[in-house]
Amino acid sequence: MEARGERVGEAVGERGSVYSRIKTGETGEVQVPVKGGLRTLAARAKDKDLLIPTGTFIRVVDSIGSTLIVEELKDVSSQVEEEQKKEEE
């Protein structure tokens, strides 16, 4: 059986969305793909002064214990286009 912390660590680098808003300096929930399935996990904002509303697209930048550290994706469409160009090269 794998530890929850190991599963959470696999989410680093993934993109997802906020499921339950992340209030300033507090923990919320995000949904991200982990091991082929969509998981709802605890998350805090990388910028502790930031409120990230429900539905906002995020990227997981780190994990501490069983909590993900996330940052808001500002322009999702341009980032997707850049990644597609890199894959085509």
N, C-alpha and C. Protein backbone atom coordinates (compact mmCIF):
# COMPACT_ATOMS: atom_id res chain seq x y z
N MET A 1 0.84 -1.18 0.00
CA MET A 1 0.00 0.00 0.00
C MET A 1 0.88 1.24 0.00
N GLU A 2 0.56 2.23 -0.85
CA GLU A 2 1.39 3.42 -0.92
C GLU A 2 0.92 4.49 0.06
N ALA A 3 1.85 5.28 0.51
CA ALA A 3 1.53 6.36 1.45
C ALA A 3 0.88 7.50 0.70
N ARG A 4 -0.02 8.20 1.36
CA ARG A 4 -0.70 9.33 0.75
C ARG A 4 0.29 10.40 0.29
N GLY A 5 1.34 10.65 1.07
CA GLY A 5 2.35 11.65 0.71
C GLY A 5 3.04 11.33 -0.59
N GLU A 6 3.29 10.05 -0.87
CA GLU A 6 3.91 9.66 -2.12
C GLU A 6 2.98 9.97 -3.30
N ARG A 7 1.72 9.68 -3.14
CA ARG A 7 0.74 9.94 -4.20
C ARG A 7 0.64 11.45 -4.45
N VAL A 8 0.65 12.24 -3.39
CA VAL A 8 0.56 13.68 -3.52
C VAL A 8 1.77 14.22 -4.27
N GLY A 9 2.95 13.69 -3.96
CA GLY A 9 4.17 14.14 -4.63
C GLY A 9 4.13 13.93 -6.13
N GLU A 10 3.40 12.93 -6.58
CA GLU A 10 3.29 12.66 -8.01
C GLU A 10 2.49 13.73 -8.75
N ALA A 11 1.78 14.57 -8.02
CA ALA A 11 0.98 15.62 -8.64
C ALA A 11 1.82 16.86 -8.99
N VAL A 12 3.04 16.94 -8.48
CA VAL A 12 3.89 18.11 -8.75
C VAL A 12 4.13 18.21 -10.26
N GLY A 13 3.87 19.40 -10.80
CA GLY A 13 4.01 19.64 -12.23
C GLY A 13 2.71 19.52 -12.99
N GLU A 14 1.71 18.92 -12.37
CA GLU A 14 0.40 18.74 -13.03
C GLU A 14 -0.42 20.03 -12.98
N ARG A 15 -1.36 20.12 -13.92
CA ARG A 15 -2.33 21.22 -13.92
C ARG A 15 -3.68 20.69 -13.49
N GLY A 16 -4.45 21.55 -12.87
CA GLY A 16 -5.79 21.15 -12.44
C GLY A 16 -6.62 22.39 -12.18
N SER A 17 -7.61 22.24 -11.30
CA SER A 17 -8.46 23.38 -10.98
C SER A 17 -8.81 23.37 -9.49
N VAL A 18 -9.16 24.55 -9.01
CA VAL A 18 -9.55 24.69 -7.60
C VAL A 18 -10.97 24.16 -7.43
N TYR A 19 -11.13 23.25 -6.49
CA TYR A 19 -12.43 22.64 -6.19
C TYR A 19 -13.11 23.40 -5.05
N SER A 20 -12.35 23.73 -4.03
CA SER A 20 -12.85 24.51 -2.90
C SER A 20 -11.87 25.65 -2.69
N ARG A 21 -12.33 26.88 -2.81
CA ARG A 21 -11.44 28.04 -2.85
C ARG A 21 -10.32 27.98 -1.81
N ILE A 22 -9.21 28.53 -2.21
CA ILE A 22 -8.04 28.61 -1.33
C ILE A 22 -7.99 30.03 -0.80
N LYS A 23 -8.35 30.21 0.46
CA LYS A 23 -8.36 31.53 1.06
C LYS A 23 -6.94 31.97 1.41
N THR A 24 -6.76 33.27 1.57
CA THR A 24 -5.47 33.84 1.93
C THR A 24 -4.92 33.15 3.18
N GLY A 25 -3.75 32.53 3.03
CA GLY A 25 -3.07 31.88 4.15
C GLY A 25 -3.74 30.62 4.67
N GLU A 26 -4.72 30.09 3.94
CA GLU A 26 -5.43 28.90 4.39
C GLU A 26 -5.36 27.79 3.34
N THR A 27 -5.91 26.64 3.70
CA THR A 27 -5.92 25.48 2.82
C THR A 27 -7.29 25.33 2.16
N GLY A 28 -7.27 24.99 0.87
CA GLY A 28 -8.49 24.68 0.13
C GLY A 28 -8.31 23.32 -0.51
N GLU A 29 -9.05 23.06 -1.58
CA GLU A 29 -8.93 21.79 -2.29
C GLU A 29 -8.81 22.02 -3.79
N VAL A 30 -8.01 21.17 -4.43
CA VAL A 30 -7.86 21.21 -5.88
C VAL A 30 -8.11 19.82 -6.44
N GLN A 31 -8.44 19.78 -7.72
CA GLN A 31 -8.57 18.50 -8.42
C GLN A 31 -7.47 18.43 -9.46
N VAL A 32 -6.65 17.38 -9.36
CA VAL A 32 -5.53 17.18 -10.28
C VAL A 32 -5.42 15.71 -10.66
N PRO A 33 -4.87 15.43 -11.84
CA PRO A 33 -4.67 14.03 -12.23
C PRO A 33 -3.49 13.41 -11.49
N VAL A 34 -3.72 12.23 -10.92
CA VAL A 34 -2.67 11.47 -10.23
C VAL A 34 -2.87 10.00 -10.59
N LYS A 35 -1.84 9.39 -11.14
CA LYS A 35 -1.88 7.96 -11.51
C LYS A 35 -3.10 7.61 -12.35
N GLY A 36 -3.39 8.44 -13.34
CA GLY A 36 -4.47 8.15 -14.27
C GLY A 36 -5.87 8.49 -13.79
N GLY A 37 -6.00 9.01 -12.58
CA GLY A 37 -7.32 9.37 -12.07
C GLY A 37 -7.33 10.79 -11.55
N LEU A 38 -8.49 11.39 -11.49
CA LEU A 38 -8.64 12.74 -10.96
C LEU A 38 -8.81 12.66 -9.45
N ARG A 39 -7.96 13.34 -8.71
CA ARG A 39 -8.00 13.32 -7.25
C ARG A 39 -8.31 14.70 -6.69
N THR A 40 -9.05 14.75 -5.62
CA THR A 40 -9.30 15.99 -4.89
C THR A 40 -8.39 15.99 -3.68
N LEU A 41 -7.49 16.98 -3.62
CA LEU A 41 -6.46 17.01 -2.58
C LEU A 41 -6.37 18.39 -1.94
N ALA A 42 -5.88 18.42 -0.71
CA ALA A 42 -5.67 19.68 0.02
C ALA A 42 -4.57 20.48 -0.66
N ALA A 43 -4.75 21.81 -0.70
CA ALA A 43 -3.77 22.67 -1.35
C ALA A 43 -3.73 24.04 -0.70
N ARG A 44 -2.55 24.64 -0.78
CA ARG A 44 -2.32 26.01 -0.34
C ARG A 44 -1.68 26.77 -1.49
N ALA A 45 -1.89 28.08 -1.52
CA ALA A 45 -1.29 28.92 -2.56
C ALA A 45 0.19 29.14 -2.27
N LYS A 46 1.00 29.13 -3.33
CA LYS A 46 2.43 29.43 -3.19
C LYS A 46 2.60 30.83 -2.61
N ASP A 47 1.80 31.77 -3.10
CA ASP A 47 1.77 33.13 -2.57
C ASP A 47 0.73 33.16 -1.46
N LYS A 48 1.19 33.22 -0.23
CA LYS A 48 0.29 33.12 0.93
C LYS A 48 -0.70 34.28 1.04
N ASP A 49 -0.47 35.36 0.29
CA ASP A 49 -1.37 36.51 0.31
C ASP A 49 -2.44 36.45 -0.76
N LEU A 50 -2.48 35.34 -1.47
CA LEU A 50 -3.38 35.20 -2.61
C LEU A 50 -4.62 34.38 -2.27
N LEU A 51 -5.77 34.83 -2.75
CA LEU A 51 -7.01 34.05 -2.67
C LEU A 51 -7.23 33.48 -4.08
N ILE A 52 -7.43 32.18 -4.17
CA ILE A 52 -7.67 31.55 -5.47
C ILE A 52 -9.08 30.98 -5.47
N PRO A 53 -9.98 31.57 -6.27
CA PRO A 53 -11.38 31.16 -6.28
C PRO A 53 -11.61 29.77 -6.88
N THR A 54 -12.74 29.19 -6.52
CA THR A 54 -13.19 27.92 -7.09
C THR A 54 -13.25 28.04 -8.61
N GLY A 55 -12.78 27.00 -9.30
CA GLY A 55 -12.82 26.98 -10.77
C GLY A 55 -11.57 27.52 -11.43
N THR A 56 -10.68 28.15 -10.68
CA THR A 56 -9.46 28.71 -11.25
C THR A 56 -8.51 27.58 -11.64
N PHE A 57 -7.87 27.71 -12.80
CA PHE A 57 -6.88 26.73 -13.23
C PHE A 57 -5.58 26.98 -12.50
N ILE A 58 -4.94 25.89 -12.05
CA ILE A 58 -3.72 25.97 -11.26
C ILE A 58 -2.67 24.99 -11.79
N ARG A 59 -1.43 25.21 -11.33
CA ARG A 59 -0.34 24.26 -11.56
C ARG A 59 0.23 23.92 -10.19
N VAL A 60 0.51 22.65 -9.96
CA VAL A 60 1.11 22.20 -8.71
C VAL A 60 2.61 22.42 -8.81
N VAL A 61 3.17 23.19 -7.86
CA VAL A 61 4.60 23.51 -7.90
C VAL A 61 5.40 22.77 -6.83
N ASP A 62 4.73 22.24 -5.81
CA ASP A 62 5.44 21.56 -4.72
C ASP A 62 4.42 20.83 -3.86
N SER A 63 4.92 20.05 -2.92
CA SER A 63 4.04 19.44 -1.92
C SER A 63 4.78 19.44 -0.59
N ILE A 64 4.03 19.63 0.46
CA ILE A 64 4.56 19.56 1.82
C ILE A 64 3.65 18.60 2.56
N GLY A 65 4.19 17.44 2.92
CA GLY A 65 3.37 16.40 3.53
C GLY A 65 2.28 15.99 2.56
N SER A 66 1.04 16.06 2.99
CA SER A 66 -0.07 15.68 2.12
C SER A 66 -0.77 16.90 1.51
N THR A 67 -0.13 18.07 1.58
CA THR A 67 -0.71 19.30 1.03
C THR A 67 0.06 19.76 -0.19
N LEU A 68 -0.67 20.06 -1.26
CA LEU A 68 -0.05 20.58 -2.48
C LEU A 68 0.17 22.08 -2.36
N ILE A 69 1.22 22.56 -3.00
CA ILE A 69 1.47 23.99 -3.11
C ILE A 69 1.22 24.34 -4.57
N VAL A 70 0.32 25.31 -4.80
CA VAL A 70 -0.12 25.60 -6.17
C VAL A 70 0.03 27.08 -6.50
N GLU A 71 0.09 27.34 -7.81
CA GLU A 71 0.05 28.72 -8.30
C GLU A 71 -1.01 28.81 -9.37
N GLU A 72 -1.60 29.98 -9.48
CA GLU A 72 -2.66 30.21 -10.45
C GLU A 72 -2.07 30.28 -11.86
N LEU A 73 -2.76 29.65 -12.81
CA LEU A 73 -2.39 29.78 -14.22
C LEU A 73 -3.09 31.01 -14.76
N LYS A 74 -2.31 31.96 -15.24
CA LYS A 74 -2.89 33.23 -15.71
C LYS A 74 -3.49 33.11 -17.10
N ASP A 75 -2.76 32.50 -18.03
CA ASP A 75 -3.22 32.41 -19.41
C ASP A 75 -3.06 30.98 -19.88
N VAL A 76 -4.07 30.18 -19.64
CA VAL A 76 -4.03 28.75 -19.92
C VAL A 76 -3.86 28.47 -21.42
N SER A 77 -4.55 29.18 -22.28
CA SER A 77 -4.53 28.88 -23.71
C SER A 77 -3.14 29.07 -24.30
N SER A 78 -2.43 30.12 -23.93
CA SER A 78 -1.10 30.33 -24.51
C SER A 78 -0.11 29.30 -23.98
N GLN A 79 -0.26 28.85 -22.74
CA GLN A 79 0.63 27.83 -22.19
C GLN A 79 0.39 26.50 -22.88
N VAL A 80 -0.84 26.17 -23.18
CA VAL A 80 -1.15 24.92 -23.89
C VAL A 80 -0.55 24.96 -25.29
N GLU A 81 -0.67 26.10 -25.97
CA GLU A 81 -0.11 26.23 -27.31
C GLU A 81 1.41 26.06 -27.29
N GLU A 82 2.09 26.65 -26.29
CA GLU A 82 3.54 26.53 -26.17
C GLU A 82 3.95 25.08 -25.97
N GLU A 83 3.22 24.36 -25.13
CA GLU A 83 3.54 22.95 -24.87
C GLU A 83 3.33 22.10 -26.11
N GLN A 84 2.28 22.40 -26.88
CA GLN A 84 2.02 21.65 -28.10
C GLN A 84 3.14 21.88 -29.12
N LYS A 85 3.64 23.11 -29.22
CA LYS A 85 4.73 23.40 -30.14
C LYS A 85 5.99 22.63 -29.73
N LYS A 86 6.26 22.55 -28.44
CA LYS A 86 7.44 21.83 -27.96
C LYS A 86 7.34 20.35 -28.29
N GLU A 87 6.13 19.80 -28.17
CA GLU A 87 5.92 18.37 -28.46
C GLU A 87 6.11 18.08 -29.95
N GLU A 88 5.76 19.04 -30.81
CA GLU A 88 5.87 18.86 -32.25
C GLU A 88 7.32 18.93 -32.73
N GLU A 89 8.20 19.59 -31.97
CA GLU A 89 9.60 19.76 -32.37
C GLU A 89 10.40 18.50 -32.25
